[in-house]
PDB file of N, CA and C in Angstrom:
ATOM      1  N   MET A   1      -2.785 -16.046 -15.251  1.00  0.00           N
ATOM      2  CA  MET A   1      -2.128 -15.343 -14.152  1.00  0.00           C
ATOM      3  C   MET A   1      -3.092 -14.298 -13.618  1.00  0.00           C
ATOM      4  N   GLY A   2      -3.114 -14.160 -12.322  1.00  0.00           N
ATOM      5  CA  GLY A   2      -3.971 -13.167 -11.699  1.00  0.00           C
ATOM      6  C   GLY A   2      -3.158 -12.172 -10.894  1.00  0.00           C
ATOM      7  N   GLU A   3      -3.819 -11.124 -10.500  1.00  0.00           N
ATOM      8  CA  GLU A   3      -3.164 -10.074  -9.720  1.00  0.00           C
ATOM      9  C   GLU A   3      -4.138  -9.551  -8.672  1.00  0.00           C
ATOM     10  N   ILE A   4      -3.622  -9.336  -7.479  1.00  0.00           N
ATOM     11  CA  ILE A   4      -4.371  -8.682  -6.415  1.00  0.00           C
ATOM     12  C   ILE A   4      -3.611  -7.417  -6.055  1.00  0.00           C
ATOM     13  N   GLU A   5      -4.264  -6.282  -6.174  1.00  0.00           N
ATOM     14  CA  GLU A   5      -3.649  -5.019  -5.810  1.00  0.00           C
ATOM     15  C   GLU A   5      -3.992  -4.694  -4.356  1.00  0.00           C
ATOM     16  N   ILE A   6      -2.967  -4.360  -3.587  1.00  0.00           N
ATOM     17  CA  ILE A   6      -3.167  -3.975  -2.193  1.00  0.00           C
ATOM     18  C   ILE A   6      -3.131  -2.448  -2.132  1.00  0.00           C
ATOM     19  N   MET A   7      -4.269  -1.869  -1.801  1.00  0.00           N
ATOM     20  CA  MET A   7      -4.382  -0.419  -1.741  1.00  0.00           C
ATOM     21  C   MET A   7      -4.155   0.064  -0.307  1.00  0.00           C
ATOM     22  N   TRP A   8      -3.811   1.315  -0.177  1.00  0.00           N
ATOM     23  CA  TRP A   8      -3.560   1.916   1.132  1.00  0.00           C
ATOM     24  C   TRP A   8      -4.739   1.702   2.075  1.00  0.00           C
ATOM     25  N   THR A   9      -5.935   1.871   1.562  1.00  0.00           N
ATOM     26  CA  THR A   9      -7.135   1.740   2.392  1.00  0.00           C
ATOM     27  C   THR A   9      -7.420   0.292   2.792  1.00  0.00           C
ATOM     28  N   ASP A  10      -6.767  -0.677   2.152  1.00  0.00           N
ATOM     29  CA  ASP A  10      -6.913  -2.083   2.533  1.00  0.00           C
ATOM     30  C   ASP A  10      -6.149  -2.413   3.810  1.00  0.00           C
ATOM     31  N   LEU A  11      -5.184  -1.570   4.165  1.00  0.00           N
ATOM     32  CA  LEU A  11      -4.329  -1.818   5.320  1.00  0.00           C
ATOM     33  C   LEU A  11      -4.965  -1.290   6.602  1.00  0.00           C
ATOM     34  N   THR A  12      -4.642  -1.938   7.698  1.00  0.00           N
ATOM     35  CA  THR A  12      -5.102  -1.432   8.991  1.00  0.00           C
ATOM     36  C   THR A  12      -4.368  -0.133   9.303  1.00  0.00           C
ATOM     37  N   GLU A  13      -4.911   0.634  10.224  1.00  0.00           N
ATOM     38  CA  GLU A  13      -4.267   1.884  10.612  1.00  0.00           C
ATOM     39  C   GLU A  13      -2.868   1.617  11.177  1.00  0.00           C
ATOM     40  N   ASP A  14      -2.730   0.537  11.937  1.00  0.00           N
ATOM     41  CA  ASP A  14      -1.425   0.178  12.490  1.00  0.00           C
ATOM     42  C   ASP A  14      -0.418  -0.097  11.366  1.00  0.00           C
ATOM     43  N   ALA A  15      -0.817  -0.857  10.362  1.00  0.00           N
ATOM     44  CA  ALA A  15       0.075  -1.154   9.236  1.00  0.00           C
ATOM     45  C   ALA A  15       0.428   0.123   8.477  1.00  0.00           C
ATOM     46  N   GLN A  16      -0.541   0.989   8.277  1.00  0.00           N
ATOM     47  CA  GLN A  16      -0.285   2.266   7.600  1.00  0.00           C
ATOM     48  C   GLN A  16       0.754   3.084   8.372  1.00  0.00           C
ATOM     49  N   ASN A  17       0.596   3.165   9.694  1.00  0.00           N
ATOM     50  CA  ASN A  17       1.521   3.935  10.522  1.00  0.00           C
ATOM     51  C   ASN A  17       2.928   3.347  10.490  1.00  0.00           C
ATOM     52  N   ARG A  18       3.039   2.018  10.505  1.00  0.00           N
ATOM     53  CA  ARG A  18       4.357   1.381  10.459  1.00  0.00           C
ATOM     54  C   ARG A  18       5.049   1.651   9.123  1.00  0.00           C
ATOM     55  N   ILE A  19       4.298   1.618   8.034  1.00  0.00           N
ATOM     56  CA  ILE A  19       4.881   1.898   6.713  1.00  0.00           C
ATOM     57  C   ILE A  19       5.321   3.350   6.629  1.00  0.00           C
ATOM     58  N   LYS A  20       4.463   4.267   7.069  1.00  0.00           N
ATOM     59  CA  LYS A  20       4.837   5.693   7.041  1.00  0.00           C
ATOM     60  C   LYS A  20       6.093   5.944   7.859  1.00  0.00           C
ATOM     61  N   GLU A  21       6.168   5.349   9.045  1.00  0.00           N
ATOM     62  CA  GLU A  21       7.331   5.537   9.900  1.00  0.00           C
ATOM     63  C   GLU A  21       8.593   4.955   9.259  1.00  0.00           C
ATOM     64  N   ALA A  22       8.488   3.755   8.700  1.00  0.00           N
ATOM     65  CA  ALA A  22       9.650   3.106   8.094  1.00  0.00           C
ATOM     66  C   ALA A  22      10.190   3.900   6.905  1.00  0.00           C
ATOM     67  N   LEU A  23       9.297   4.544   6.157  1.00  0.00           N
ATOM     68  CA  LEU A  23       9.710   5.291   4.968  1.00  0.00           C
ATOM     69  C   LEU A  23       9.911   6.779   5.234  1.00  0.00           C
ATOM     70  N   GLY A  24       9.589   7.214   6.438  1.00  0.00           N
ATOM     71  CA  GLY A  24       9.787   8.616   6.795  1.00  0.00           C
ATOM     72  C   GLY A  24       8.866   9.570   6.063  1.00  0.00           C
ATOM     73  N   ILE A  25       7.633   9.136   5.836  1.00  0.00           N
ATOM     74  CA  ILE A  25       6.651  10.011   5.193  1.00  0.00           C
ATOM     75  C   ILE A  25       5.534  10.313   6.177  1.00  0.00           C
ATOM     76  N   SER A  26       4.813  11.407   5.934  1.00  0.00           N
ATOM     77  CA  SER A  26       3.715  11.757   6.833  1.00  0.00           C
ATOM     78  C   SER A  26       2.348  11.587   6.176  1.00  0.00           C
ATOM     79  N   ASP A  27       2.332  11.524   4.852  1.00  0.00           N
ATOM     80  CA  ASP A  27       1.065  11.442   4.126  1.00  0.00           C
ATOM     81  C   ASP A  27       1.216  10.459   2.966  1.00  0.00           C
ATOM     82  N   PRO A  28       0.295   9.486   2.824  1.00  0.00           N
ATOM     83  CA  PRO A  28       0.408   8.522   1.743  1.00  0.00           C
ATOM     84  C   PRO A  28       0.349   9.161   0.349  1.00  0.00           C
ATOM     85  N   LYS A  29      -0.176  10.385   0.264  1.00  0.00           N
ATOM     86  CA  LYS A  29      -0.213  11.079  -1.026  1.00  0.00           C
ATOM     87  C   LYS A  29       1.190  11.382  -1.533  1.00  0.00           C
ATOM     88  N   GLU A  30       2.174  11.439  -0.619  1.00  0.00           N
ATOM     89  CA  GLU A  30       3.555  11.654  -1.024  1.00  0.00           C
ATOM     90  C   GLU A  30       4.049  10.523  -1.924  1.00  0.00           C
ATOM     91  N   MET A  31       3.462   9.341  -1.759  1.00  0.00           N
ATOM     92  CA  MET A  31       3.852   8.165  -2.529  1.00  0.00           C
ATOM     93  C   MET A  31       2.807   7.814  -3.600  1.00  0.00           C
ATOM     94  N   ASN A  32       1.794   8.662  -3.755  1.00  0.00           N
ATOM     95  CA  ASN A  32       0.683   8.430  -4.688  1.00  0.00           C
ATOM     96  C   ASN A  32      -0.149   7.199  -4.333  1.00  0.00           C
ATOM     97  N   TRP A  33      -0.111   6.785  -3.062  1.00  0.00           N
ATOM     98  CA  TRP A  33      -0.879   5.619  -2.654  1.00  0.00           C
ATOM     99  C   TRP A  33      -2.362   5.900  -2.548  1.00  0.00           C
ATOM    100  N   ASP A  34      -2.764   7.145  -2.694  1.00  0.00           N
ATOM    101  CA  ASP A  34      -4.193   7.446  -2.748  1.00  0.00           C
ATOM    102  C   ASP A  34      -4.749   7.097  -4.127  1.00  0.00           C
ATOM    103  N   VAL A  35      -3.856   6.825  -5.099  1.00  0.00           N
ATOM    104  CA  VAL A  35      -4.263   6.519  -6.472  1.00  0.00           C
ATOM    105  C   VAL A  35      -3.769   5.146  -6.922  1.00  0.00           C
ATOM    106  N   PHE A  36      -2.513   4.818  -6.568  1.00  0.00           N
ATOM    107  CA  PHE A  36      -1.873   3.580  -7.018  1.00  0.00           C
ATOM    108  C   PHE A  36      -1.732   2.600  -5.862  1.00  0.00           C
ATOM    109  N   PRO A  37      -1.655   1.298  -6.163  1.00  0.00           N
ATOM    110  CA  PRO A  37      -1.516   0.310  -5.090  1.00  0.00           C
ATOM    111  C   PRO A  37      -0.176   0.420  -4.368  1.00  0.00           C
ATOM    112  N   VAL A  38      -0.184   0.027  -3.106  1.00  0.00           N
ATOM    113  CA  VAL A  38       1.044  -0.037  -2.317  1.00  0.00           C
ATOM    114  C   VAL A  38       1.908  -1.167  -2.864  1.00  0.00           C
ATOM    115  N   THR A  39       1.276  -2.270  -3.213  1.00  0.00           N
ATOM    116  CA  THR A  39       1.964  -3.414  -3.797  1.00  0.00           C
ATOM    117  C   THR A  39       0.954  -4.264  -4.554  1.00  0.00           C
ATOM    118  N   SER A  40       1.450  -5.194  -5.327  1.00  0.00           N
ATOM    119  CA  SER A  40       0.595  -6.136  -6.049  1.00  0.00           C
ATOM    120  C   SER A  40       1.091  -7.548  -5.784  1.00  0.00           C
ATOM    121  N   TYR A  41       0.163  -8.472  -5.742  1.00  0.00           N
ATOM    122  CA  TYR A  41       0.484  -9.878  -5.556  1.00  0.00           C
ATOM    123  C   TYR A  41       0.055 -10.596  -6.830  1.00  0.00           C
ATOM    124  N   PHE A  42       1.003 -11.243  -7.490  1.00  0.00           N
ATOM    125  CA  PHE A  42       0.720 -11.986  -8.712  1.00  0.00           C
ATOM    126  C   PHE A  42       0.671 -13.471  -8.393  1.00  0.00           C
ATOM    127  N   TYR A  43      -0.259 -14.167  -9.004  1.00  0.00           N
ATOM    128  CA  TYR A  43      -0.409 -15.595  -8.736  1.00  0.00           C
ATOM    129  C   TYR A  43      -0.840 -16.307 -10.017  1.00  0.00           C
ATOM    130  N   GLU A  44      -0.574 -17.607 -10.033  1.00  0.00           N
ATOM    131  CA  GLU A  44      -1.004 -18.476 -11.129  1.00  0.00           C
ATOM    132  C   GLU A  44      -2.386 -19.004 -10.790  1.00  0.00           C
ATOM    133  N   ALA A  45      -3.323 -18.819 -11.686  1.00  0.00           N
ATOM    134  CA  ALA A  45      -4.685 -19.290 -11.419  1.00  0.00           C
ATOM    135  C   ALA A  45      -4.861 -20.733 -11.825  1.00  0.00           C
TER     136      ALA A  45
END
């Protein structure tokens, strides 16, 4: 099994802005996304 971590910096600025707006946050540090992944994708290798 493998994993791909999607980090905040992997996202386009447009995607970052849409996520911030949807969650009502102004800074990704509020969600610790400067340290932890936004999401992970698990797959069978």
